[in-house]
C-alpha atoms as a PDB file:
ATOM      1  CA  MET A   1     250.076 101.306  10.568  1.00  0.00           C
ATOM      2  CA  ASN A   2     250.318 101.202   6.752  1.00  0.00           C
ATOM      3  CA  THR A   3     251.597  97.982   5.367  1.00  0.00           C
ATOM      4  CA  ALA A   4     250.604  94.102   6.477  1.00  0.00           C
ATOM      5  CA  LYS A   5     253.516  93.656   7.970  1.00  0.00           C
ATOM      6  CA  GLU A   6     253.277  96.183  10.187  1.00  0.00           C
ATOM      7  CA  MET A   7     250.157  95.503  10.679  1.00  0.00           C
ATOM      8  CA  SER A   8     250.648  91.854  11.172  1.00  0.00           C
ATOM      9  CA  GLU A   9     253.564  92.812  14.052  1.00  0.00           C
ATOM     10  CA  ALA A  10     250.769  94.747  15.844  1.00  0.00           C
ATOM     11  CA  LEU A  11     248.719  91.492  15.989  1.00  0.00           C
ATOM     12  CA  VAL A  12     251.682  89.479  17.058  1.00  0.00           C
ATOM     13  CA  ALA A  13     251.881  91.767  20.178  1.00  0.00           C
ATOM     14  CA  VAL A  14     247.884  91.566  20.916  1.00  0.00           C
ATOM     15  CA  ASP A  15     248.457  87.478  21.106  1.00  0.00           C
ATOM     16  CA  ASN A  16     251.710  88.233  23.352  1.00  0.00           C
ATOM     17  CA  ARG A  17     250.167  90.556  25.247  1.00  0.00           C
ATOM     18  CA  TYR A  18     247.186  88.097  26.035  1.00  0.00           C
ATOM     19  CA  ILE A  19     249.120  85.167  26.665  1.00  0.00           C
ATOM     20  CA  GLU A  20     251.175  87.679  29.299  1.00  0.00           C
ATOM     21  CA  LYS A  21     247.969  88.160  31.111  1.00  0.00           C
ATOM     22  CA  THR A  22     246.493  84.760  31.010  1.00  0.00           C
ATOM     23  CA  GLY A  23     249.763  82.568  30.482  1.00  0.00           C
ATOM     24  CA  SER A  24     248.010  80.522  27.642  1.00  0.00           C
ATOM     25  CA  ALA A  25     247.243  81.384  24.195  1.00  0.00           C
ATOM     26  CA  PRO A  26     244.565  82.296  22.047  1.00  0.00           C
ATOM     27  CA  ASN A  27     242.564  79.547  20.356  1.00  0.00           C
ATOM     28  CA  TYR A  28     242.617  81.813  17.494  1.00  0.00           C
ATOM     29  CA  GLY A  29     244.636  84.836  17.373  1.00  0.00           C
ATOM     30  CA  ALA A  30     243.759  88.697  17.321  1.00  0.00           C
ATOM     31  CA  HIS A  31     242.492  89.022  13.417  1.00  0.00           C
ATOM     32  CA  ILE A  32     241.294  92.421  12.163  1.00  0.00           C
ATOM     33  CA  ARG A  33     237.897  93.216  10.277  1.00  0.00           C
ATOM     34  CA  ILE A  34     235.962  95.950   7.999  1.00  0.00           C
ATOM     35  CA  ALA A  35     232.465  95.152   6.795  1.00  0.00           C
ATOM     36  CA  SER A  36     231.316  97.107   3.888  1.00  0.00           C
ATOM     37  CA  GLY A  37     229.000  99.770   5.679  1.00  0.00           C
ATOM     38  CA  ASP A  38     231.057  99.951   8.577  1.00  0.00           C
ATOM     39  CA  GLU A  39     233.004 102.633   9.681  1.00  0.00           C
ATOM     40  CA  LEU A  40     234.479 101.097  12.411  1.00  0.00           C
ATOM     41  CA  TRP A  41     237.294  98.971  12.362  1.00  0.00           C
ATOM     42  CA  GLU A  42     236.773  95.670  14.392  1.00  0.00           C
ATOM     43  CA  CYS A  43     239.847  93.573  16.517  1.00  0.00           C
ATOM     44  CA  GLU A  44     238.942  90.201  17.826  1.00  0.00           C
ATOM     45  CA  LEU A  45     240.705  87.871  19.331  1.00  0.00           C
ATOM     46  CA  TRP A  46     239.098  83.555  20.623  1.00  0.00           C
ATOM     47  CA  MET A  47     239.989  82.837  23.583  1.00  0.00           C
ATOM     48  CA  LYS A  48     238.376  79.673  23.817  1.00  0.00           C
ATOM     49  CA  SER A  49     236.426  77.458  20.988  1.00  0.00           C
ATOM     50  CA  CYS A  50     233.299  78.986  19.545  1.00  0.00           C
ATOM     51  CA  THR A  51     231.619  75.901  21.583  1.00  0.00           C
ATOM     52  CA  LYS A  52     232.153  77.575  24.847  1.00  0.00           C
ATOM     53  CA  PRO A  53     230.717  80.724  26.323  1.00  0.00           C
ATOM     54  CA  ASN A  54     232.365  83.686  26.062  1.00  0.00           C
ATOM     55  CA  TYR A  55     234.325  82.447  23.748  1.00  0.00           C
ATOM     56  CA  SER A  56     235.891  85.998  22.220  1.00  0.00           C
ATOM     57  CA  ILE A  57     236.853  89.562  23.523  1.00  0.00           C
ATOM     58  CA  SER A  58     237.463  92.436  20.772  1.00  0.00           C
ATOM     59  CA  GLY A  59     237.778  95.972  20.430  1.00  0.00           C
ATOM     60  CA  SER A  60     236.406  98.390  17.803  1.00  0.00           C
ATOM     61  CA  GLY A  61     237.833 102.698  16.702  1.00  0.00           C
ATOM     62  CA  GLY A  62     237.375 104.518  13.550  1.00  0.00           C
ATOM     63  CA  THR A  63     241.073 103.711  12.849  1.00  0.00           C
ATOM     64  CA  LEU A  64     242.586 100.365  13.279  1.00  0.00           C
ATOM     65  CA  GLU A  65     245.127 101.561  15.634  1.00  0.00           C
ATOM     66  CA  SER A  66     241.906 102.497  18.071  1.00  0.00           C
ATOM     67  CA  ALA A  67     240.564  99.325  17.658  1.00  0.00           C
ATOM     68  CA  ILE A  68     243.628  97.342  18.617  1.00  0.00           C
ATOM     69  CA  LYS A  69     244.293  99.611  21.211  1.00  0.00           C
ATOM     70  CA  SER A  70     240.104  99.114  22.557  1.00  0.00           C
ATOM     71  CA  LEU A  71     241.132  94.741  22.381  1.00  0.00           C
ATOM     72  CA  CYS A  72     244.344  95.793  24.463  1.00  0.00           C
ATOM     73  CA  ASP A  73     242.317  97.424  26.900  1.00  0.00           C
ATOM     74  CA  ALA A  74     239.558  94.641  26.665  1.00  0.00           C
ATOM     75  CA  ILE A  75     242.868  92.434  27.630  1.00  0.00           C
ATOM     76  CA  ASP A  76     244.384  93.805  30.441  1.00  0.00           C
ATOM     77  CA  ASN A  77     240.757  94.064  32.261  1.00  0.00           C
ATOM     78  CA  LEU A  78     240.379  90.202  32.261  1.00  0.00           C
ATOM     79  CA  PRO A  79     240.872  89.008  35.881  1.00  0.00           C
ATOM     80  CA  SER A  80     243.977  87.520  37.248  1.00  0.00           C
ATOM     81  CA  GLU A  81     244.862  84.312  37.171  1.00  0.00           C
ATOM     82  CA  GLU A  82     244.193  84.520  41.144  1.00  0.00           C
ATOM     83  CA  GLU A  83     241.232  85.974  40.596  1.00  0.00           C
ATOM     84  CA  ARG A  84     240.194  83.291  37.917  1.00  0.00           C
ATOM     85  CA  ASN A  85     241.048  80.463  40.232  1.00  0.00           C
ATOM     86  CA  LEU A  86     239.119  81.979  43.288  1.00  0.00           C
ATOM     87  CA  ARG A  87     236.044  82.429  41.189  1.00  0.00           C
ATOM     88  CA  GLU A  88     235.990  78.397  40.068  1.00  0.00           C
ATOM     89  CA  PHE A  89     237.171  77.526  43.592  1.00  0.00           C
ATOM     90  CA  GLN A  90     233.717  79.625  44.632  1.00  0.00           C
ATOM     91  CA  ASN A  91     232.123  78.071  41.802  1.00  0.00           C
ATOM     92  CA  ASP A  92     232.931  74.157  42.842  1.00  0.00           C
ATOM     93  CA  LEU A  93     232.144  74.981  46.720  1.00  0.00           C
ATOM     94  CA  GLY A  94     228.895  76.745  45.780  1.00  0.00           C
ATOM     95  CA  ARG A  95     227.994  73.358  44.313  1.00  0.00           C
ATOM     96  CA  LEU A  96     229.651  71.383  46.497  1.00  0.00           C
ATOM     97  CA  ILE A  97     226.935  72.861  49.275  1.00  0.00           C
ATOM     98  CA  ASP A  98     224.254  72.506  47.431  1.00  0.00           C
ATOM     99  CA  LYS A  99     225.144  68.804  46.444  1.00  0.00           C
ATOM    100  CA  GLY A 100     225.640  68.229  50.136  1.00  0.00           C
ATOM    101  CA  ARG A 101     222.261  70.149  51.314  1.00  0.00           C
ATOM    102  CA  SER A 102     220.401  67.926  47.842  1.00  0.00           C
ATOM    103  CA  PHE A 103     221.532  64.576  49.730  1.00  0.00           C
ATOM    104  CA  SER A 104     220.657  65.636  53.172  1.00  0.00           C
ATOM    105  CA  ILE A 105     224.066  65.251  54.363  1.00  0.00           C
ATOM    106  CA  ASP A 106     224.336  66.306  58.072  1.00  0.00           C
ATOM    107  CA  VAL A 107     224.716  70.045  59.029  1.00  0.00           C
ATOM    108  CA  ASP A 108     227.669  69.378  60.200  1.00  0.00           C
ATOM    109  CA  TYR A 109     229.248  68.829  57.247  1.00  0.00           C
ATOM    110  CA  VAL A 110     227.485  71.490  55.286  1.00  0.00           C
ATOM    111  CA  ASN A 111     227.727  74.498  57.961  1.00  0.00           C
ATOM    112  CA  PRO A 112     231.847  75.015  57.933  1.00  0.00           C
ATOM    113  CA  LEU A 113     231.670  74.870  53.732  1.00  0.00           C
ATOM    114  CA  ALA A 114     228.694  77.662  53.693  1.00  0.00           C
ATOM    115  CA  GLU A 115     230.895  79.961  56.183  1.00  0.00           C
ATOM    116  CA  THR A 116     233.790  79.687  53.852  1.00  0.00           C
ATOM    117  CA  ALA A 117     231.634  80.173  50.699  1.00  0.00           C
ATOM    118  CA  LYS A 118     230.445  83.590  52.977  1.00  0.00           C
ATOM    119  CA  LYS A 119     234.059  84.947  53.763  1.00  0.00           C
ATOM    120  CA  LEU A 120     235.183  84.148  50.140  1.00  0.00           C
ATOM    121  CA  ALA A 121     232.151  86.386  49.093  1.00  0.00           C
ATOM    122  CA  GLU A 122     233.128  89.050  51.453  1.00  0.00           C
ATOM    123  CA  ASN A 123     236.652  89.136  50.666  1.00  0.00           C
ATOM    124  CA  ALA A 124     235.792  89.133  46.901  1.00  0.00           C
ATOM    125  CA  LEU A 125     233.431  92.491  47.470  1.00  0.00           C
ATOM    126  CA  THR A 126     236.153  94.039  49.234  1.00  0.00           C
ATOM    127  CA  TYR A 127     239.030  93.203  46.780  1.00  0.00           C
ATOM    128  CA  GLN A 128     240.770  95.900  44.673  1.00  0.00           C
ATOM    129  CA  SER A 129     243.053  95.144  42.420  1.00  0.00           C
ATOM    130  CA  GLU A 130     246.094  97.533  42.208  1.00  0.00           C
ATOM    131  CA  VAL A 131     245.556 100.642  39.679  1.00  0.00           C
ATOM    132  CA  ARG A 132     248.551 100.607  36.786  1.00  0.00           C
ATOM    133  CA  ALA A 133     249.807 104.480  36.104  1.00  0.00           C
END
């Protein structure tokens, strides 16, 4: 990668990879940087506004190519939409169980929710994603 056009095309490919993985566009597309004194290139993509937690992912390497590959690996390791939805549901269910207990909701309502949460957690622990060749 020697020209600005080649670098730009590589960064667009990173953005597209993120979109394919998550189904949404990044808040701020992939960009590269190297600071004086650093021996590493860094390639970063902002997934969300910087006011939200976990707003960016990045990769680094001794060359621009290795930094881009490192970021692509990080994108590939993001949870799938199905995994993200399950985690969100589990969080919501946990909050609902806690809320029911804090309101002294009858145990007959809370126990089925707690049992469902337990089963979901057990499934999440035993789930093994497909290995790519």
